[in-house]
């Protein structure tokens, strides 16, 4: 008789299934460890990250009443575009008064220079008078002994010389005093003219500042100003947000910063677009302190109820401008950040100081140039010929 095949017992089947399960778990574990060692070990990630940007405040520099508003929330504006206009009536009156005062100061300065010429002629005349008196005295003195000239006439001649000499000295002093106001300077540089010119610039800028331009190109947000509102210098009216210059502020735990360095590449995704859009970035800098250290009310840990809390440090991530143009972000949006920290050769802190302005605007440069041009125009109109 042939033997019948042995049927596996229930215990054997269980052991075989358990072995398969254990083998699968081991393979998964080995695969995860290999992936962690090769790829994940060199990355630090966080979902505590948000888009940051510049909120450029639009504020008046002079007081006034709002008569027009040039843009509303969500509108795109260019740098220099008019956003708010104030009533210019009072400022124009003040400008007219300042211009009249400058014209008068220029003409008064011209009088000083003309007075120098007059006083110089007076000095020359007094010198001639003194020479004539001295000659008269010299002729009379020898004739006293012969009786041709009386002593009284001689004394009169001496008095005439003394009077001529005193008149010459007075004229010299007057000329010196006049030249002290004009010597070494032109009419345009006279202190009274410079003071009046400064007032014209001040009044001219006040008129120009009744028109409030956009400091930068961006989108209008937080508009609070209304037509007819009386505003004061420095009062926030609205904000302009340049969305092409946003960045990401990622808050990493302090234990994640051991290998993080400036310049390391980063990959980011926004909740707005999901994983379909992936941004490229780089670490631009690590903050100088934790968020709690710069809070309005910093935590006081020197208490008996102290509990250690893992701190987070803001890390600034710069984004690719081209990607921002294709997929714009808004300030405050949530982001997920993955920083490749395998290359830790870069610095943790910036090694060189910043040179020049980080942000700047030229929207107000033309106002000062126009004020200077107006001052030169008034001075030239009142100088007269040959000045």
Protein backbone atom coordinates (compact mmCIF):
# COMPACT_ATOMS: atom_id res chain seq x y z
CA UNK A 1 0.00 0.00 0.00
CA UNK A 2 1.17 3.46 -0.80
CA UNK A 3 1.37 6.15 1.91
CA UNK A 4 -1.23 8.89 1.96
CA UNK A 5 0.13 12.51 1.85
CA UNK A 6 0.28 14.17 5.22
CA UNK A 7 -2.09 17.05 5.72
CA UNK A 8 -0.56 20.07 7.54
CA UNK A 9 -1.95 20.50 10.97
CA UNK A 10 -3.60 23.73 12.09
CA UNK A 11 -0.56 24.61 14.21
CA UNK A 12 1.79 24.20 11.27
CA UNK A 13 -0.34 26.45 9.11
CA UNK A 14 -0.38 29.10 11.81
CA UNK A 15 3.39 28.96 12.16
CA UNK A 16 3.81 29.29 8.41
CA UNK A 17 1.45 32.31 8.24
CA UNK A 18 3.19 33.90 11.21
CA UNK A 19 6.54 33.42 9.51
CA UNK A 20 5.23 35.10 6.37
CA UNK A 21 3.86 38.01 8.38
CA UNK A 22 7.12 38.39 10.27
CA UNK A 23 9.09 38.29 7.04
CA UNK A 24 6.86 40.95 5.52
CA UNK A 25 7.26 43.18 8.58
CA UNK A 26 11.02 42.65 8.50
CA UNK A 27 11.18 43.57 4.84
CA UNK A 28 9.05 46.66 5.44
CA UNK A 29 11.18 47.62 8.41
CA UNK A 30 14.41 47.12 6.50
CA UNK A 31 13.01 49.11 3.57
CA UNK A 32 11.91 51.94 5.86
CA UNK A 33 15.27 51.99 7.60
CA UNK A 34 17.03 52.09 4.24
CA UNK A 35 14.77 54.93 3.03
CA UNK A 36 15.29 56.84 6.28
CA UNK A 37 19.07 56.39 6.12
CA UNK A 38 19.37 57.33 2.46
CA UNK A 39 16.71 60.00 2.04
CA UNK A 40 14.66 61.05 5.07
CA UNK A 41 17.59 61.28 7.49
CA UNK A 42 18.89 64.33 5.60
CA UNK A 43 15.63 66.31 5.63
CA UNK A 44 13.81 68.43 8.19
CA UNK A 45 10.11 69.12 7.65
CA UNK A 46 7.43 71.22 9.26
CA UNK A 47 3.88 72.27 8.52
CA UNK A 48 4.13 75.20 10.94
CA UNK A 49 5.02 77.61 8.16
CA UNK A 50 3.29 80.67 6.73
CA UNK A 51 3.76 83.10 3.87
CA UNK A 52 5.25 86.41 4.95
CA UNK A 53 5.43 89.69 3.08
CA UNK A 54 5.88 93.44 3.34
CA UNK A 55 2.77 95.38 4.32
CA UNK A 56 3.78 98.82 3.05
CA UNK A 57 1.71 101.37 4.97
CA UNK A 58 0.28 104.34 3.11
CA UNK A 59 0.24 107.32 5.49
CA UNK A 60 -0.11 111.08 4.98
CA UNK A 61 2.79 113.39 5.83
CA UNK A 62 0.57 116.43 6.24
CA UNK A 63 -2.84 116.95 7.80
CA UNK A 64 -5.81 117.46 5.52
CA UNK A 65 -9.27 116.46 4.38
CA UNK A 66 -9.60 113.55 1.95
CA UNK A 67 -11.23 114.61 -1.32
CA UNK A 68 -10.50 111.55 -3.50
CA UNK A 69 -9.42 107.91 -3.18
CA UNK A 70 -7.62 106.35 -6.13
CA UNK A 71 -7.73 102.62 -5.36
CA UNK A 72 -9.71 100.09 -3.36
CA UNK A 73 -8.91 96.76 -1.70
CA UNK A 74 -7.54 94.06 -4.06
CA UNK A 75 -6.63 96.65 -6.75
CA UNK A 76 -3.19 96.47 -8.36
CA UNK A 77 -1.30 99.78 -8.25
CA UNK A 78 2.06 100.92 -9.62
CA UNK A 79 4.71 102.74 -7.63
CA UNK A 80 3.96 106.46 -7.72
CA UNK A 81 0.29 106.03 -8.61
CA UNK A 82 -2.03 108.39 -6.71
CA UNK A 83 -3.90 106.60 -3.94
CA UNK A 84 -5.33 109.47 -1.88
CA UNK A 85 -5.75 113.22 -2.52
CA UNK A 86 -6.19 115.82 0.21
CA UNK A 87 -7.69 119.29 -0.09
CA UNK A 88 -4.78 121.52 -1.24
CA UNK A 89 -6.37 124.96 -0.66
CA UNK A 90 -4.58 125.88 2.58
CA UNK A 91 -1.25 124.55 1.36
CA UNK A 92 -1.46 126.59 -1.84
CA UNK A 93 -2.10 129.80 0.10
CA UNK A 94 0.93 129.08 2.30
CA UNK A 95 3.01 128.41 -0.82
CA UNK A 96 2.02 131.73 -2.36
CA UNK A 97 3.04 133.57 0.80
CA UNK A 98 6.39 131.75 0.94
CA UNK A 99 7.11 132.50 -2.72
CA UNK A 100 6.39 136.20 -2.18
CA UNK A 101 8.71 136.26 0.83
CA UNK A 102 11.49 134.62 -1.18
CA UNK A 103 11.11 137.18 -3.97
CA UNK A 104 11.28 140.00 -1.43
CA UNK A 105 14.36 138.48 0.24
CA UNK A 106 16.16 138.26 -3.10
CA UNK A 107 15.42 141.89 -3.88
CA UNK A 108 16.51 142.99 -0.41
CA UNK A 109 19.76 141.10 -0.90
CA UNK A 110 20.28 142.91 -4.18
CA UNK A 111 19.89 146.20 -2.29
CA UNK A 112 22.75 145.14 0.00
CA UNK A 113 25.07 144.61 -2.96
CA UNK A 114 24.00 147.92 -4.50
CA UNK A 115 24.68 149.60 -1.16
CA UNK A 116 28.26 148.29 -1.27
CA UNK A 117 28.84 150.15 -4.52
CA UNK A 118 27.33 153.36 -3.15
CA UNK A 119 29.39 153.20 0.04
CA UNK A 120 32.56 152.52 -1.94
CA UNK A 121 31.89 155.67 -3.96
CA UNK A 122 31.31 157.58 -0.74
CA UNK A 123 34.66 156.40 0.62
CA UNK A 124 36.39 157.60 -2.54
CA UNK A 125 34.69 160.99 -2.25
CA UNK A 126 35.73 161.30 1.40
CA UNK A 127 39.32 160.56 0.45
CA UNK A 128 39.21 163.39 -2.10
CA UNK A 129 37.72 165.74 0.50
CA UNK A 130 40.47 164.84 2.95
CA UNK A 131 43.18 165.40 0.36
CA UNK A 132 41.69 168.79 -0.55
CA UNK A 133 41.55 169.84 3.12
CA UNK A 134 45.12 168.73 3.70
CA UNK A 135 46.32 170.69 0.67
CA UNK A 136 44.44 173.77 1.87
CA UNK A 137 46.05 173.45 5.29
CA UNK A 138 49.50 173.02 3.74
CA UNK A 139 49.09 176.23 1.71
CA UNK A 140 47.84 178.32 4.65
CA UNK A 141 50.36 177.27 7.27
CA UNK A 142 53.43 179.14 5.79
CA UNK A 143 51.42 182.35 5.31
CA UNK A 144 50.60 182.80 8.98
CA UNK A 145 54.06 184.24 9.79
CA UNK A 146 53.76 186.95 7.09
CA UNK A 147 50.27 187.89 8.26
CA UNK A 148 48.65 186.99 4.92
CA UNK A 149 46.53 184.34 6.70
CA UNK A 150 45.17 184.81 10.16
CA UNK A 151 45.52 182.21 12.85
CA UNK A 152 41.75 181.86 12.87
CA UNK A 153 41.76 180.85 9.19
CA UNK A 154 44.55 178.37 9.89
CA UNK A 155 42.54 176.83 12.69
CA UNK A 156 39.53 176.55 10.38
CA UNK A 157 41.73 174.68 7.87
CA UNK A 158 42.92 172.31 10.58
CA UNK A 159 39.31 171.69 11.66
CA UNK A 160 38.38 170.98 8.05
CA UNK A 161 41.13 168.33 7.84
CA UNK A 162 39.94 166.71 11.06
CA UNK A 163 36.33 166.71 9.85
CA UNK A 164 37.34 165.21 6.50
CA UNK A 165 39.40 162.53 8.24
CA UNK A 166 36.43 161.66 10.55
CA UNK A 167 34.05 161.52 7.59
CA UNK A 168 36.44 159.16 5.76
CA UNK A 169 36.64 156.89 8.80
CA UNK A 170 32.85 156.83 9.10
CA UNK A 171 32.49 155.93 5.42
CA UNK A 172 35.11 153.17 5.79
CA UNK A 173 33.25 151.67 8.75
CA UNK A 174 29.93 151.77 6.93
CA UNK A 175 31.48 150.07 3.90
CA UNK A 176 33.06 147.39 6.11
CA UNK A 177 29.74 146.76 7.86
CA UNK A 178 27.94 146.45 4.53
CA UNK A 179 30.58 144.13 3.08
CA UNK A 180 30.31 141.89 6.13
CA UNK A 181 26.79 141.06 4.91
CA UNK A 182 27.78 140.45 1.29
CA UNK A 183 31.47 139.59 1.06
CA UNK A 184 32.30 136.07 -0.13
CA UNK A 185 28.75 135.09 -1.02
CA UNK A 186 26.28 135.54 -3.85
CA UNK A 187 22.71 136.76 -3.63
CA UNK A 188 21.46 133.16 -3.79
CA UNK A 189 23.54 132.24 -0.72
CA UNK A 190 22.44 135.09 1.49
CA UNK A 191 21.12 133.76 4.83
CA UNK A 192 17.82 135.59 4.43
CA UNK A 193 17.42 134.17 0.92
CA UNK A 194 18.30 130.65 2.08
CA UNK A 195 15.79 130.93 4.92
CA UNK A 196 13.05 132.09 2.56
CA UNK A 197 13.98 129.37 0.08
CA UNK A 198 13.64 126.74 2.80
CA UNK A 199 10.15 128.01 3.55
CA UNK A 200 9.25 127.77 -0.13
CA UNK A 201 10.48 124.17 -0.23
CA UNK A 202 8.48 123.38 2.88
CA UNK A 203 5.30 124.93 1.46
CA UNK A 204 5.87 123.41 -1.98
CA UNK A 205 6.30 119.94 -0.48
CA UNK A 206 3.16 120.46 1.59
CA UNK A 207 1.23 121.05 -1.64
CA UNK A 208 2.84 118.02 -3.26
CA UNK A 209 2.14 115.87 -0.22
CA UNK A 210 -1.56 116.53 -0.53
CA UNK A 211 -1.29 113.85 -3.23
CA UNK A 212 -0.31 110.54 -1.59
CA UNK A 213 1.33 108.06 -4.01
CA UNK A 214 1.82 104.31 -3.76
CA UNK A 215 5.36 103.69 -2.43
CA UNK A 216 5.71 100.36 -4.30
CA UNK A 217 3.92 98.25 -6.89
CA UNK A 218 1.49 95.83 -5.30
CA UNK A 219 -2.05 95.11 -4.22
CA UNK A 220 -4.11 97.39 -2.00
CA UNK A 221 -5.24 95.96 1.34
CA UNK A 222 -6.67 97.21 4.64
CA UNK A 223 -8.20 100.37 3.19
CA UNK A 224 -9.76 102.35 6.03
CA UNK A 225 -9.77 105.90 4.66
CA UNK A 226 -13.02 107.52 3.51
CA UNK A 227 -13.79 110.63 1.45
CA UNK A 228 -14.31 113.65 3.70
CA UNK A 229 -12.24 112.17 6.50
CA UNK A 230 -9.83 114.50 8.31
CA UNK A 231 -6.49 112.71 8.54
CA UNK A 232 -3.37 113.44 10.56
CA UNK A 233 0.29 112.84 9.65
CA UNK A 234 1.27 109.20 10.14
CA UNK A 235 -2.31 107.89 10.27
CA UNK A 236 -2.60 104.53 8.39
CA UNK A 237 -4.93 104.88 5.42
CA UNK A 238 -4.30 101.61 3.58
CA UNK A 239 -1.51 99.15 2.83
CA UNK A 240 0.16 98.00 -0.38
CA UNK A 241 1.37 94.39 -0.50
CA UNK A 242 4.01 93.50 -3.15
CA UNK A 243 3.10 89.84 -3.68
CA UNK A 244 6.09 89.28 -5.97
CA UNK A 245 8.43 89.66 -2.98
CA UNK A 246 6.86 87.31 -0.42
CA UNK A 247 8.80 84.71 1.54
CA UNK A 248 7.99 81.81 3.88
CA UNK A 249 8.60 81.85 7.61
CA UNK A 250 8.94 78.24 8.77
CA UNK A 251 8.91 77.56 12.51
CA UNK A 252 11.19 74.58 13.17
CA UNK A 253 11.67 72.90 16.52
CA UNK A 254 14.99 73.61 18.14
CA UNK A 255 16.00 69.95 17.80
CA UNK A 256 15.61 70.26 14.03
CA UNK A 257 18.19 73.05 13.70
CA UNK A 258 21.39 71.09 14.38
CA UNK A 259 22.25 70.66 10.71
CA UNK A 260 20.28 73.56 9.25
CA UNK A 261 22.40 76.14 7.45
CA UNK A 262 21.95 79.22 5.27
CA UNK A 263 21.74 78.38 1.59
CA UNK A 264 20.30 74.87 1.94
CA UNK A 265 17.62 74.01 -0.66
CA UNK A 266 14.01 73.59 0.33
CA UNK A 267 10.85 72.24 -1.24
CA UNK A 268 7.54 73.77 -0.30
CA UNK A 269 3.87 73.14 -0.95
CA UNK A 270 0.96 75.45 -0.22
CA UNK A 271 -2.40 74.36 1.10
CA UNK A 272 -3.85 76.69 -1.54
CA UNK A 273 -2.59 74.56 -4.44
CA UNK A 274 -1.87 71.23 -2.75
CA UNK A 275 0.87 68.84 -3.76
CA UNK A 276 0.34 69.57 -7.46
CA UNK A 277 2.42 72.76 -7.16
CA UNK A 278 5.84 72.45 -5.57
CA UNK A 279 7.91 75.54 -4.89
CA UNK A 280 11.69 75.66 -4.84
CA UNK A 281 13.37 77.78 -2.20
CA UNK A 282 16.44 78.17 -0.07
CA UNK A 283 17.18 79.00 3.52
CA UNK A 284 17.87 82.74 3.67
CA UNK A 285 18.46 83.03 7.40
CA UNK A 286 17.65 81.82 10.89
CA UNK A 287 16.01 84.22 13.33
CA UNK A 288 18.03 85.68 16.19
CA UNK A 289 15.58 84.32 18.79
CA UNK A 290 12.50 82.23 19.29
CA UNK A 291 9.02 83.57 18.88
CA UNK A 292 8.52 83.56 22.65
CA UNK A 293 11.64 85.68 23.21
CA UNK A 294 10.25 88.47 21.02
CA UNK A 295 6.66 88.21 22.24
CA UNK A 296 4.94 91.21 23.78
CA UNK A 297 4.83 89.32 27.09
CA UNK A 298 7.81 86.93 27.10
CA UNK A 299 7.37 83.77 29.21
CA UNK A 300 8.90 83.86 32.68
CA UNK A 301 10.40 80.44 33.33
CA UNK A 302 11.97 81.31 36.70
CA UNK A 303 8.97 79.92 38.59
CA UNK A 304 8.25 76.82 40.60
CA UNK A 305 5.67 75.60 38.11
CA UNK A 306 8.10 75.42 35.19
CA UNK A 307 7.39 72.89 32.46
CA UNK A 308 9.81 72.46 29.58
CA UNK A 309 8.30 73.28 26.21
CA UNK A 310 10.14 72.59 22.98
CA UNK A 311 10.80 75.99 21.41
CA UNK A 312 10.46 76.86 17.75
CA UNK A 313 12.74 79.17 15.79
CA UNK A 314 11.56 81.06 12.68
CA UNK A 315 13.55 80.20 9.56
CA UNK A 316 13.22 82.47 6.53
CA UNK A 317 12.82 80.67 3.20
CA UNK A 318 13.25 82.59 -0.05
CA UNK A 319 11.08 81.52 -2.98
CA UNK A 320 11.69 81.40 -6.71
CA UNK A 321 10.33 84.57 -8.36
CA UNK A 322 9.31 82.79 -11.55
CA UNK A 323 7.25 80.25 -9.64
CA UNK A 324 5.63 83.05 -7.64
CA UNK A 325 4.59 84.74 -10.86
CA UNK A 326 3.05 81.49 -12.15
CA UNK A 327 1.39 80.52 -8.86
CA UNK A 328 1.00 83.65 -6.69
CA UNK A 329 0.73 83.35 -2.93
CA UNK A 330 -0.93 85.59 -0.35
CA UNK A 331 0.44 86.76 2.95
CA UNK A 332 -0.51 84.44 5.81
CA UNK A 333 -1.19 81.26 3.79
CA UNK A 334 -0.15 77.92 5.31
CA UNK A 335 2.82 76.08 3.82
CA UNK A 336 4.62 72.78 4.27
CA UNK A 337 8.40 72.99 4.16
CA UNK A 338 11.02 70.30 3.54
CA UNK A 339 14.64 71.44 3.94
CA UNK A 340 17.50 69.30 2.63
CA UNK A 341 20.09 69.49 5.44
CA UNK A 342 22.57 66.94 4.09
CA UNK A 343 25.04 69.67 3.09
CA UNK A 344 25.82 71.39 6.39
CA UNK A 345 28.86 73.32 5.17
CA UNK A 346 27.13 76.71 5.14
CA UNK A 347 26.96 79.18 8.04
CA UNK A 348 24.24 79.22 10.67
CA UNK A 349 24.32 83.04 10.85
CA UNK A 350 25.08 85.67 8.24
CA UNK A 351 28.82 86.35 8.12
CA UNK A 352 28.81 89.75 6.39
CA UNK A 353 26.79 92.88 7.22
CA UNK A 354 24.16 94.17 4.83
CA UNK A 355 25.35 96.90 2.45
CA UNK A 356 22.83 99.44 1.25
CA UNK A 357 19.06 99.48 1.77
CA UNK A 358 17.17 96.19 1.77
CA UNK A 359 13.99 97.89 0.55
CA UNK A 360 13.65 101.37 -0.92
CA UNK A 361 11.23 103.53 -2.89
CA UNK A 362 11.75 106.39 -5.33
CA UNK A 363 8.12 107.48 -5.35
CA UNK A 364 8.93 110.65 -3.38
CA UNK A 365 12.16 111.71 -5.11
CA UNK A 366 10.45 113.86 -7.74
CA UNK A 367 8.77 116.00 -5.09
CA UNK A 368 12.07 117.27 -3.68
CA UNK A 369 13.47 117.90 -7.17
CA UNK A 370 10.39 119.90 -8.17
CA UNK A 371 10.67 122.02 -5.01
CA UNK A 372 14.31 122.86 -5.78
CA UNK A 373 13.40 123.77 -9.35
CA UNK A 374 10.68 126.14 -8.14
CA UNK A 375 13.11 127.88 -5.76
CA UNK A 376 15.65 128.39 -8.57
CA UNK A 377 12.91 129.79 -10.81
CA UNK A 378 11.83 132.42 -8.24
CA UNK A 379 15.39 133.48 -7.49
CA UNK A 380 16.24 133.84 -11.19
CA UNK A 381 13.13 135.91 -11.79
CA UNK A 382 14.09 138.42 -9.09
CA UNK A 383 17.87 138.62 -9.55
CA UNK A 384 17.72 141.07 -12.43
CA UNK A 385 20.29 141.40 -15.18
CA UNK A 386 23.94 140.82 -14.52
CA UNK A 387 23.43 138.92 -11.30
